[in-house]
Amino acid sequence: MTMNPRLRKFALTAHVTSSVGWLGAVAVFLALAVAGLTSQDAQTVRGAYLAMELTGWLVLVPLSLASLLTGVVQALGTSWGLFRHYWVLFKLLITVVATVLLLVHMQVAGHVADVAADTNLPSGDLVGMRIQLLADAATALLVLLVAVTLSVYKPRGLTRYGWRKQHEPRGPQPEATKQQV
């Protein structure tokens, strides 16, 4: 089912907005992770990790889910389809995996934020988890940039399903054609 132009533009606007917002929120998360790992000021470290948890649950997670949902709506409501083109399928896979990993990642962010809320979190405490937060945020930024690149360049390539859909007869066949087959 193809959406009418007005609905398609609305869905596209929602998808681009949530996706760009997700990308921007990941950049903020990365900046907070750098500040939390490198700052010598206890209040800055505490604030960074508390802000990371808040940003994660109230901004990153909702935007990732919105991006996933609006992307599926966009794919199903346009001629691109969800399973017809490899680039759409890869974007779907990237978004699903990134969203799941974000939910797992938020457990680490929550633990570090809880410790930061209770103590001054000296520079040596939870250093492995703090580096993981930084590395995960940097990786997420790179992965989301790959998804943006796929959206802009739309590499060619139909899936087997897409090829069948493109080459199957459209509409009802006349009776004479059906009898010859």
Protein backbone atom coordinates (compact mmCIF):
# COMPACT_ATOMS: atom_id res chain seq x y z
CA MET A 1 0.00 0.00 0.00
CA THR A 2 1.48 3.32 -1.08
CA MET A 3 0.81 6.41 1.03
CA ASN A 4 -0.65 9.53 -0.53
CA PRO A 5 1.90 12.34 -1.02
CA ARG A 6 0.83 14.36 2.02
CA LEU A 7 1.01 11.37 4.38
CA ARG A 8 4.30 10.23 2.82
CA LYS A 9 5.87 13.65 3.43
CA PHE A 10 4.61 13.67 7.02
CA ALA A 11 6.03 10.17 7.61
CA LEU A 12 9.33 11.13 5.97
CA THR A 13 9.57 14.27 8.11
CA ALA A 14 8.92 12.23 11.27
CA HIS A 15 11.53 9.67 10.24
CA VAL A 16 14.22 12.21 9.35
CA THR A 17 13.53 14.21 12.52
CA SER A 18 13.75 11.20 14.83
CA SER A 19 16.83 9.84 13.06
CA VAL A 20 18.71 13.14 13.08
CA GLY A 21 17.68 13.66 16.70
CA TRP A 22 19.02 10.21 17.58
CA LEU A 23 22.31 11.01 15.86
CA GLY A 24 22.59 14.33 17.71
CA ALA A 25 21.72 12.76 21.06
CA VAL A 26 24.46 10.15 20.53
CA ALA A 27 26.92 12.99 19.87
CA VAL A 28 25.87 14.59 23.18
CA PHE A 29 26.22 11.23 24.92
CA LEU A 30 29.74 10.91 23.48
CA ALA A 31 30.67 14.40 24.71
CA LEU A 32 29.38 13.53 28.20
CA ALA A 33 31.35 10.26 28.16
CA VAL A 34 34.53 12.16 27.27
CA ALA A 35 33.87 14.71 30.03
CA GLY A 36 33.14 11.97 32.57
CA LEU A 37 36.28 10.05 31.73
CA THR A 38 38.74 12.93 31.43
CA SER A 39 37.59 15.55 33.94
CA GLN A 40 39.40 15.96 37.24
CA ASP A 41 36.47 17.83 38.81
CA ALA A 42 34.27 15.47 40.86
CA GLN A 43 31.11 17.51 40.25
CA THR A 44 31.68 17.50 36.49
CA VAL A 45 32.19 13.73 36.50
CA ARG A 46 29.09 13.19 38.64
CA GLY A 47 27.02 15.52 36.47
CA ALA A 48 28.22 13.92 33.25
CA TYR A 49 27.21 10.40 34.26
CA LEU A 50 23.89 11.49 35.73
CA ALA A 51 23.15 13.44 32.55
CA MET A 52 24.13 10.42 30.44
CA GLU A 53 21.56 8.23 32.15
CA LEU A 54 18.89 10.91 31.86
CA THR A 55 19.72 11.61 28.22
CA GLY A 56 19.76 7.90 27.46
CA TRP A 57 16.35 7.03 28.87
CA LEU A 58 14.52 10.24 28.01
CA VAL A 59 16.07 11.08 24.63
CA LEU A 60 18.14 8.26 23.08
CA VAL A 61 15.77 5.36 23.70
CA PRO A 62 12.59 7.18 22.55
CA LEU A 63 14.34 8.56 19.45
CA SER A 64 15.75 5.15 18.53
CA LEU A 65 12.30 3.56 18.85
CA ALA A 66 10.71 6.42 16.89
CA SER A 67 13.34 6.08 14.17
CA LEU A 68 12.70 2.34 13.94
CA LEU A 69 8.92 2.73 13.84
CA THR A 70 8.87 5.61 11.36
CA GLY A 71 11.42 3.83 9.16
CA VAL A 72 9.22 0.75 8.94
CA VAL A 73 6.16 2.91 8.17
CA GLN A 74 8.16 4.77 5.53
CA ALA A 75 9.37 1.54 3.91
CA LEU A 76 5.96 -0.11 3.91
CA GLY A 77 4.19 2.99 2.63
CA THR A 78 6.47 3.70 -0.33
CA SER A 79 7.62 1.86 -3.41
CA TRP A 80 10.95 1.07 -1.71
CA GLY A 81 9.32 -1.62 0.41
CA LEU A 82 10.81 -3.20 3.50
CA PHE A 83 12.36 -6.29 1.90
CA ARG A 84 12.83 -5.25 -1.74
CA HIS A 85 16.16 -3.43 -1.63
CA TYR A 86 19.30 -4.42 0.20
CA TRP A 87 19.98 -0.88 1.45
CA VAL A 88 16.57 -0.72 3.15
CA LEU A 89 17.11 -4.16 4.67
CA PHE A 90 20.58 -3.15 5.94
CA LYS A 91 19.18 0.06 7.43
CA LEU A 92 16.48 -1.95 9.18
CA LEU A 93 19.08 -4.37 10.53
CA ILE A 94 21.34 -1.51 11.67
CA THR A 95 18.46 0.23 13.42
CA VAL A 96 17.17 -2.91 15.16
CA VAL A 97 20.64 -3.95 16.34
CA ALA A 98 21.54 -0.40 17.42
CA THR A 99 18.28 -0.10 19.39
CA VAL A 100 18.79 -3.44 21.15
CA LEU A 101 22.41 -2.61 21.96
CA LEU A 102 21.32 0.79 23.25
CA LEU A 103 18.95 -0.88 25.69
CA VAL A 104 21.78 -3.15 26.88
CA HIS A 105 24.16 -0.19 27.00
CA MET A 106 21.74 1.74 29.21
CA GLN A 107 22.28 -0.84 31.96
CA VAL A 108 25.98 0.11 32.10
CA ALA A 109 25.13 3.83 31.99
CA GLY A 110 22.64 3.33 34.81
CA HIS A 111 25.16 1.49 36.97
CA VAL A 112 27.84 4.16 36.49
CA ALA A 113 25.27 6.91 37.17
CA ASP A 114 24.14 5.17 40.37
CA VAL A 115 27.73 4.94 41.62
CA ALA A 116 28.39 8.57 40.62
CA ALA A 117 25.28 9.70 42.50
CA ASP A 118 26.43 7.96 45.70
CA THR A 119 30.16 8.79 45.64
CA ASN A 120 32.66 11.19 44.13
CA LEU A 121 33.68 8.49 41.62
CA PRO A 122 37.46 8.87 41.79
CA SER A 123 39.28 8.68 38.47
CA GLY A 124 40.21 5.00 38.96
CA ASP A 125 36.71 3.76 39.83
CA LEU A 126 34.76 1.86 37.17
CA VAL A 127 37.33 2.89 34.57
CA GLY A 128 36.49 -0.13 32.40
CA MET A 129 32.79 0.73 32.32
CA ARG A 130 33.54 4.39 31.71
CA ILE A 131 35.77 3.53 28.75
CA GLN A 132 33.05 1.17 27.51
CA LEU A 133 30.52 4.04 27.60
CA LEU A 134 32.90 6.16 25.53
CA ALA A 135 33.67 3.39 23.03
CA ASP A 136 30.00 2.41 22.68
CA ALA A 137 28.96 6.01 22.04
CA ALA A 138 31.70 6.48 19.43
CA THR A 139 30.72 3.22 17.73
CA ALA A 140 27.04 4.17 17.80
CA LEU A 141 27.85 7.49 16.14
CA LEU A 142 29.77 5.68 13.39
CA VAL A 143 26.98 3.12 12.86
CA LEU A 144 24.32 5.83 12.62
CA LEU A 145 26.46 7.68 10.09
CA VAL A 146 26.56 4.48 8.01
CA ALA A 147 22.74 4.39 8.12
CA VAL A 148 22.61 8.03 6.97
CA THR A 149 25.02 7.24 4.14
CA LEU A 150 22.81 4.34 2.99
CA SER A 151 19.81 6.68 2.99
CA VAL A 152 21.54 9.28 0.87
CA TYR A 153 23.35 7.05 -1.64
CA LYS A 154 20.78 4.19 -1.85
CA PRO A 155 23.12 1.59 -3.36
CA ARG A 156 21.57 -0.52 -6.09
CA GLY A 157 20.59 -4.07 -5.49
CA LEU A 158 17.30 -5.86 -5.25
CA THR A 159 16.74 -8.76 -2.89
CA ARG A 160 15.32 -11.96 -4.36
CA TYR A 161 11.92 -10.93 -3.03
CA GLY A 162 12.31 -7.48 -4.61
CA TRP A 163 13.32 -8.98 -7.94
CA ARG A 164 10.26 -11.29 -7.93
CA LYS A 165 7.97 -8.39 -7.01
CA GLN A 166 9.42 -6.23 -9.76
CA HIS A 167 8.98 -8.92 -12.42
CA GLU A 168 5.59 -10.36 -11.46
CA PRO A 169 2.61 -9.40 -13.63
CA ARG A 170 0.62 -6.44 -12.35
CA GLY A 171 -3.13 -6.34 -12.15
CA PRO A 172 -5.60 -8.97 -13.33
CA GLN A 173 -4.69 -10.88 -16.47
CA PRO A 174 -7.22 -11.07 -19.34
CA GLU A 175 -9.02 -14.41 -19.71
CA ALA A 176 -7.33 -15.17 -23.05
CA THR A 177 -3.88 -14.90 -21.46
CA LYS A 178 -4.85 -17.14 -18.54
CA GLN A 179 -6.08 -19.90 -20.88
CA GLN A 180 -2.89 -19.89 -22.95
CA VAL A 181 -0.75 -20.55 -19.89
